[in-house]
Amino acid sequence: MSGKLTTHVLDTATGRPAVNLRIDLSRLTSERRELLKSVRTNADGRVDYPLLQDDEFRIGQYELVFYAGDYLRKTGSYLPEPAFLDVIPLRFGIADEAAHYHVPLLLSPYGYSTYRGS
């Protein structure tokens, strides 16, 4: 069984999925940061396919960057300049190539939370 990486974003201020939010995924090594892909969330706040799977899914350090400020501005949320939350980087490790790593983001203009989901 091959593992995979997925994510989704919920806008907790509105109680709805965060639609069309940009997310960048990078692999981190001691020498560099390698951008693997840039995606956008769908109408359900999810990405249409796993961010990593099969041969791409490897043990290591990764970073998801959520462009929360751009999303919040487009939804009409009031944000001061500079915004309290704009770009949210989440660094995490993948230690099991057979596991499903689900990294959701719960978002509002002034706070966020994340966890390893299922």
N, C-alpha and C. Protein backbone atom coordinates (compact mmCIF):
# COMPACT_ATOMS: atom_id res chain seq x y z
N MET A 1 0.83 -1.19 0.00
CA MET A 1 0.00 0.00 0.00
C MET A 1 0.87 1.24 0.00
N SER A 2 0.55 2.16 -0.86
CA SER A 2 1.30 3.40 -0.96
C SER A 2 0.59 4.50 -0.19
N GLY A 3 1.37 5.34 0.46
CA GLY A 3 0.81 6.45 1.21
C GLY A 3 0.45 7.61 0.32
N LYS A 4 -0.15 8.62 0.94
CA LYS A 4 -0.50 9.83 0.19
C LYS A 4 -0.61 11.02 1.14
N LEU A 5 -0.55 12.21 0.54
CA LEU A 5 -0.70 13.47 1.27
C LEU A 5 -1.91 14.20 0.70
N THR A 6 -2.81 14.62 1.59
CA THR A 6 -3.98 15.40 1.19
C THR A 6 -4.14 16.58 2.14
N THR A 7 -4.97 17.53 1.73
CA THR A 7 -5.27 18.69 2.58
C THR A 7 -6.66 19.19 2.25
N HIS A 8 -7.18 20.01 3.14
CA HIS A 8 -8.37 20.80 2.85
C HIS A 8 -8.36 22.02 3.75
N VAL A 9 -9.14 23.04 3.37
CA VAL A 9 -9.16 24.29 4.12
C VAL A 9 -10.61 24.67 4.39
N LEU A 10 -10.90 24.93 5.66
CA LEU A 10 -12.23 25.39 6.06
C LEU A 10 -12.11 26.81 6.61
N ASP A 11 -13.02 27.67 6.17
CA ASP A 11 -13.10 29.05 6.65
C ASP A 11 -14.01 29.04 7.87
N THR A 12 -13.43 29.07 9.05
CA THR A 12 -14.23 28.95 10.27
C THR A 12 -15.02 30.23 10.58
N ALA A 13 -14.64 31.35 9.99
CA ALA A 13 -15.40 32.59 10.18
C ALA A 13 -16.74 32.52 9.48
N THR A 14 -16.80 31.82 8.35
CA THR A 14 -18.06 31.71 7.59
C THR A 14 -18.70 30.34 7.74
N GLY A 15 -17.96 29.37 8.27
CA GLY A 15 -18.48 28.02 8.39
C GLY A 15 -18.57 27.29 7.07
N ARG A 16 -17.72 27.68 6.12
CA ARG A 16 -17.75 27.10 4.77
C ARG A 16 -16.36 26.69 4.32
N PRO A 17 -16.30 25.85 3.29
CA PRO A 17 -15.01 25.52 2.70
C PRO A 17 -14.36 26.77 2.10
N ALA A 18 -13.04 26.83 2.15
CA ALA A 18 -12.29 27.92 1.53
C ALA A 18 -12.08 27.57 0.06
N VAL A 19 -12.79 28.25 -0.80
CA VAL A 19 -12.79 27.96 -2.24
C VAL A 19 -11.71 28.79 -2.95
N ASN A 20 -10.96 28.15 -3.83
CA ASN A 20 -9.96 28.81 -4.68
C ASN A 20 -8.80 29.42 -3.88
N LEU A 21 -8.42 28.76 -2.81
CA LEU A 21 -7.28 29.20 -2.01
C LEU A 21 -6.01 28.54 -2.56
N ARG A 22 -4.99 29.34 -2.83
CA ARG A 22 -3.73 28.81 -3.37
C ARG A 22 -2.91 28.16 -2.26
N ILE A 23 -2.31 27.02 -2.61
CA ILE A 23 -1.45 26.28 -1.70
C ILE A 23 -0.21 25.85 -2.48
N ASP A 24 0.98 26.11 -1.93
CA ASP A 24 2.23 25.62 -2.50
C ASP A 24 2.76 24.49 -1.62
N LEU A 25 3.27 23.44 -2.25
CA LEU A 25 3.89 22.33 -1.54
C LEU A 25 5.35 22.26 -1.92
N SER A 26 6.22 22.22 -0.90
CA SER A 26 7.66 22.11 -1.13
C SER A 26 8.24 20.98 -0.31
N ARG A 27 9.30 20.37 -0.84
CA ARG A 27 10.10 19.39 -0.09
C ARG A 27 11.31 20.16 0.44
N LEU A 28 11.63 19.94 1.71
CA LEU A 28 12.74 20.65 2.36
C LEU A 28 13.89 19.69 2.61
N THR A 29 15.08 20.11 2.25
CA THR A 29 16.30 19.38 2.60
C THR A 29 17.25 20.37 3.24
N SER A 30 18.37 19.89 3.75
CA SER A 30 19.34 20.79 4.37
C SER A 30 19.93 21.76 3.35
N GLU A 31 19.90 21.37 2.08
CA GLU A 31 20.50 22.20 1.04
C GLU A 31 19.51 23.16 0.37
N ARG A 32 18.21 22.78 0.32
CA ARG A 32 17.32 23.61 -0.47
C ARG A 32 15.85 23.34 -0.17
N ARG A 33 15.04 24.18 -0.75
CA ARG A 33 13.58 24.05 -0.76
C ARG A 33 13.20 23.81 -2.22
N GLU A 34 12.52 22.70 -2.46
CA GLU A 34 12.11 22.36 -3.83
C GLU A 34 10.59 22.48 -3.94
N LEU A 35 10.14 23.45 -4.72
CA LEU A 35 8.71 23.60 -4.95
C LEU A 35 8.23 22.43 -5.79
N LEU A 36 7.30 21.66 -5.26
CA LEU A 36 6.79 20.49 -5.97
C LEU A 36 5.54 20.81 -6.78
N LYS A 37 4.67 21.64 -6.22
CA LYS A 37 3.46 22.02 -6.97
C LYS A 37 2.76 23.17 -6.29
N SER A 38 1.97 23.84 -7.09
CA SER A 38 1.09 24.92 -6.63
C SER A 38 -0.31 24.53 -7.07
N VAL A 39 -1.26 24.54 -6.13
CA VAL A 39 -2.62 24.08 -6.41
C VAL A 39 -3.62 25.08 -5.83
N ARG A 40 -4.89 24.87 -6.16
CA ARG A 40 -5.98 25.67 -5.58
C ARG A 40 -7.06 24.73 -5.08
N THR A 41 -7.73 25.17 -4.04
CA THR A 41 -8.81 24.36 -3.48
C THR A 41 -10.05 24.45 -4.37
N ASN A 42 -10.85 23.39 -4.32
CA ASN A 42 -12.08 23.33 -5.11
C ASN A 42 -13.28 23.85 -4.28
N ALA A 43 -14.48 23.62 -4.75
CA ALA A 43 -15.70 24.12 -4.09
C ALA A 43 -15.91 23.49 -2.71
N ASP A 44 -15.25 22.38 -2.45
CA ASP A 44 -15.36 21.71 -1.15
C ASP A 44 -14.18 22.06 -0.25
N GLY A 45 -13.31 22.99 -0.68
CA GLY A 45 -12.14 23.37 0.11
C GLY A 45 -11.01 22.36 0.03
N ARG A 46 -11.13 21.41 -0.89
CA ARG A 46 -10.13 20.36 -1.04
C ARG A 46 -9.39 20.52 -2.37
N VAL A 47 -8.32 19.78 -2.51
CA VAL A 47 -7.61 19.69 -3.78
C VAL A 47 -8.16 18.45 -4.48
N ASP A 48 -8.32 18.49 -5.78
CA ASP A 48 -8.99 17.43 -6.53
C ASP A 48 -8.24 16.09 -6.54
N TYR A 49 -7.01 16.07 -6.11
CA TYR A 49 -6.19 14.86 -6.15
C TYR A 49 -5.18 14.92 -5.01
N PRO A 50 -4.61 13.80 -4.59
CA PRO A 50 -3.58 13.85 -3.55
C PRO A 50 -2.40 14.72 -3.97
N LEU A 51 -1.87 15.47 -3.03
CA LEU A 51 -0.71 16.32 -3.32
C LEU A 51 0.53 15.48 -3.58
N LEU A 52 0.65 14.38 -2.88
CA LEU A 52 1.73 13.43 -3.10
C LEU A 52 1.14 12.03 -3.03
N GLN A 53 1.62 11.16 -3.91
CA GLN A 53 1.25 9.74 -3.86
C GLN A 53 2.24 8.96 -4.71
N ASP A 54 2.17 7.65 -4.61
CA ASP A 54 3.03 6.75 -5.38
C ASP A 54 4.50 7.11 -5.21
N ASP A 55 5.25 7.25 -6.27
CA ASP A 55 6.70 7.51 -6.18
C ASP A 55 7.04 8.88 -5.64
N GLU A 56 6.12 9.84 -5.73
CA GLU A 56 6.37 11.19 -5.20
C GLU A 56 6.33 11.20 -3.67
N PHE A 57 5.60 10.28 -3.07
CA PHE A 57 5.38 10.25 -1.63
C PHE A 57 6.57 9.59 -0.95
N ARG A 58 7.41 10.41 -0.30
CA ARG A 58 8.65 9.91 0.30
C ARG A 58 8.82 10.47 1.71
N ILE A 59 9.55 9.73 2.51
CA ILE A 59 9.92 10.19 3.85
C ILE A 59 10.70 11.48 3.71
N GLY A 60 10.41 12.45 4.59
CA GLY A 60 11.15 13.70 4.57
C GLY A 60 10.39 14.84 5.20
N GLN A 61 10.96 16.02 5.09
CA GLN A 61 10.37 17.24 5.61
C GLN A 61 9.69 18.00 4.47
N TYR A 62 8.51 18.53 4.74
CA TYR A 62 7.71 19.22 3.73
C TYR A 62 7.15 20.51 4.30
N GLU A 63 6.68 21.36 3.41
CA GLU A 63 6.03 22.59 3.81
C GLU A 63 4.84 22.86 2.89
N LEU A 64 3.71 23.11 3.49
CA LEU A 64 2.55 23.62 2.77
C LEU A 64 2.45 25.10 3.09
N VAL A 65 2.30 25.92 2.06
CA VAL A 65 2.14 27.36 2.25
C VAL A 65 0.74 27.72 1.77
N PHE A 66 -0.07 28.22 2.68
CA PHE A 66 -1.45 28.61 2.39
C PHE A 66 -1.51 30.12 2.23
N TYR A 67 -2.02 30.59 1.10
CA TYR A 67 -2.11 32.02 0.82
C TYR A 67 -3.45 32.55 1.33
N ALA A 68 -3.53 32.63 2.65
CA ALA A 68 -4.77 32.97 3.35
C ALA A 68 -5.20 34.41 3.09
N GLY A 69 -4.27 35.34 3.09
CA GLY A 69 -4.61 36.75 2.90
C GLY A 69 -5.28 36.99 1.56
N ASP A 70 -4.74 36.42 0.50
CA ASP A 70 -5.35 36.57 -0.82
C ASP A 70 -6.78 36.04 -0.82
N TYR A 71 -6.95 34.85 -0.22
CA TYR A 71 -8.29 34.25 -0.15
C TYR A 71 -9.25 35.14 0.65
N LEU A 72 -8.82 35.58 1.81
CA LEU A 72 -9.70 36.38 2.67
C LEU A 72 -10.07 37.71 2.02
N ARG A 73 -9.13 38.35 1.35
CA ARG A 73 -9.45 39.60 0.65
C ARG A 73 -10.50 39.37 -0.43
N LYS A 74 -10.38 38.27 -1.19
CA LYS A 74 -11.33 37.98 -2.26
C LYS A 74 -12.73 37.67 -1.73
N THR A 75 -12.82 37.19 -0.49
CA THR A 75 -14.13 36.88 0.08
C THR A 75 -14.77 38.09 0.74
N GLY A 76 -14.06 39.22 0.75
CA GLY A 76 -14.62 40.43 1.33
C GLY A 76 -14.36 40.60 2.82
N SER A 77 -13.55 39.74 3.40
CA SER A 77 -13.20 39.89 4.81
C SER A 77 -12.39 41.18 5.00
N TYR A 78 -12.70 41.90 6.06
CA TYR A 78 -11.91 43.09 6.37
C TYR A 78 -10.56 42.63 6.91
N LEU A 79 -9.50 43.11 6.30
CA LEU A 79 -8.15 42.85 6.78
C LEU A 79 -7.40 44.16 6.86
N PRO A 80 -6.78 44.45 8.00
CA PRO A 80 -5.94 45.64 8.07
C PRO A 80 -4.71 45.45 7.20
N GLU A 81 -4.01 46.52 6.91
CA GLU A 81 -2.76 46.43 6.16
C GLU A 81 -1.60 46.80 7.08
N PRO A 82 -0.69 45.92 7.32
CA PRO A 82 -0.66 44.56 6.80
C PRO A 82 -1.65 43.67 7.55
N ALA A 83 -2.07 42.62 6.88
CA ALA A 83 -3.00 41.67 7.48
C ALA A 83 -2.31 40.92 8.62
N PHE A 84 -3.08 40.57 9.63
CA PHE A 84 -2.54 39.78 10.73
C PHE A 84 -2.04 38.43 10.21
N LEU A 85 -2.86 37.75 9.41
CA LEU A 85 -2.46 36.50 8.76
C LEU A 85 -2.49 36.72 7.26
N ASP A 86 -1.40 36.43 6.61
CA ASP A 86 -1.35 36.58 5.16
C ASP A 86 -0.93 35.26 4.54
N VAL A 87 0.32 34.91 4.69
CA VAL A 87 0.85 33.65 4.17
C VAL A 87 1.14 32.75 5.37
N ILE A 88 0.56 31.54 5.36
CA ILE A 88 0.70 30.62 6.49
C ILE A 88 1.53 29.41 6.06
N PRO A 89 2.78 29.30 6.56
CA PRO A 89 3.59 28.12 6.24
C PRO A 89 3.39 27.05 7.32
N LEU A 90 3.20 25.82 6.89
CA LEU A 90 3.10 24.69 7.82
C LEU A 90 4.17 23.67 7.45
N ARG A 91 5.11 23.46 8.35
CA ARG A 91 6.17 22.47 8.12
C ARG A 91 5.82 21.21 8.88
N PHE A 92 6.05 20.08 8.24
CA PHE A 92 5.72 18.80 8.86
C PHE A 92 6.61 17.71 8.27
N GLY A 93 6.67 16.59 8.95
CA GLY A 93 7.48 15.48 8.49
C GLY A 93 6.63 14.29 8.11
N ILE A 94 7.06 13.58 7.09
CA ILE A 94 6.45 12.32 6.69
C ILE A 94 7.44 11.22 7.07
N ALA A 95 7.01 10.32 7.96
CA ALA A 95 7.89 9.28 8.47
C ALA A 95 7.49 7.88 8.02
N ASP A 96 6.31 7.75 7.42
CA ASP A 96 5.80 6.43 7.04
C ASP A 96 5.28 6.48 5.61
N GLU A 97 5.97 5.83 4.70
CA GLU A 97 5.59 5.87 3.28
C GLU A 97 4.31 5.12 2.96
N ALA A 98 3.79 4.36 3.91
CA ALA A 98 2.55 3.61 3.68
C ALA A 98 1.32 4.31 4.28
N ALA A 99 1.52 5.43 4.95
CA ALA A 99 0.42 6.09 5.68
C ALA A 99 -0.24 7.19 4.85
N HIS A 100 -1.45 7.55 5.26
CA HIS A 100 -2.15 8.70 4.70
C HIS A 100 -1.91 9.87 5.64
N TYR A 101 -1.29 10.91 5.12
CA TYR A 101 -1.08 12.14 5.87
C TYR A 101 -2.08 13.16 5.35
N HIS A 102 -3.00 13.57 6.21
CA HIS A 102 -3.98 14.59 5.85
C HIS A 102 -3.70 15.80 6.73
N VAL A 103 -3.42 16.95 6.10
CA VAL A 103 -3.03 18.16 6.83
C VAL A 103 -4.05 19.26 6.52
N PRO A 104 -5.11 19.35 7.31
CA PRO A 104 -6.12 20.37 7.08
C PRO A 104 -5.75 21.70 7.74
N LEU A 105 -6.37 22.76 7.25
CA LEU A 105 -6.21 24.08 7.84
C LEU A 105 -7.59 24.64 8.14
N LEU A 106 -7.80 25.05 9.39
CA LEU A 106 -9.02 25.74 9.80
C LEU A 106 -8.63 27.20 9.94
N LEU A 107 -9.29 28.07 9.20
CA LEU A 107 -8.81 29.44 8.98
C LEU A 107 -9.85 30.49 9.33
N SER A 108 -9.40 31.59 9.91
CA SER A 108 -10.19 32.81 10.06
C SER A 108 -9.22 33.98 9.90
N PRO A 109 -9.71 35.21 9.82
CA PRO A 109 -8.78 36.34 9.62
C PRO A 109 -7.76 36.53 10.75
N TYR A 110 -8.05 36.01 11.95
CA TYR A 110 -7.16 36.26 13.08
C TYR A 110 -6.67 34.99 13.77
N GLY A 111 -6.84 33.85 13.14
CA GLY A 111 -6.33 32.63 13.74
C GLY A 111 -6.46 31.45 12.80
N TYR A 112 -5.71 30.40 13.11
CA TYR A 112 -5.81 29.17 12.34
C TYR A 112 -5.39 28.01 13.23
N SER A 113 -5.78 26.82 12.84
CA SER A 113 -5.30 25.62 13.50
C SER A 113 -5.14 24.53 12.46
N THR A 114 -4.36 23.55 12.82
CA THR A 114 -4.12 22.41 11.96
C THR A 114 -3.89 21.19 12.81
N TYR A 115 -3.91 20.03 12.20
CA TYR A 115 -3.70 18.78 12.90
C TYR A 115 -3.43 17.72 11.85
N ARG A 116 -2.99 16.56 12.30
CA ARG A 116 -2.86 15.44 11.35
C ARG A 116 -4.20 14.70 11.35
N GLY A 117 -4.91 14.82 10.25
CA GLY A 117 -6.21 14.19 10.13
C GLY A 117 -6.12 12.83 9.50
N SER A 118 -7.26 12.33 9.11
CA SER A 118 -7.30 10.99 8.51
C SER A 118 -7.99 11.02 7.17
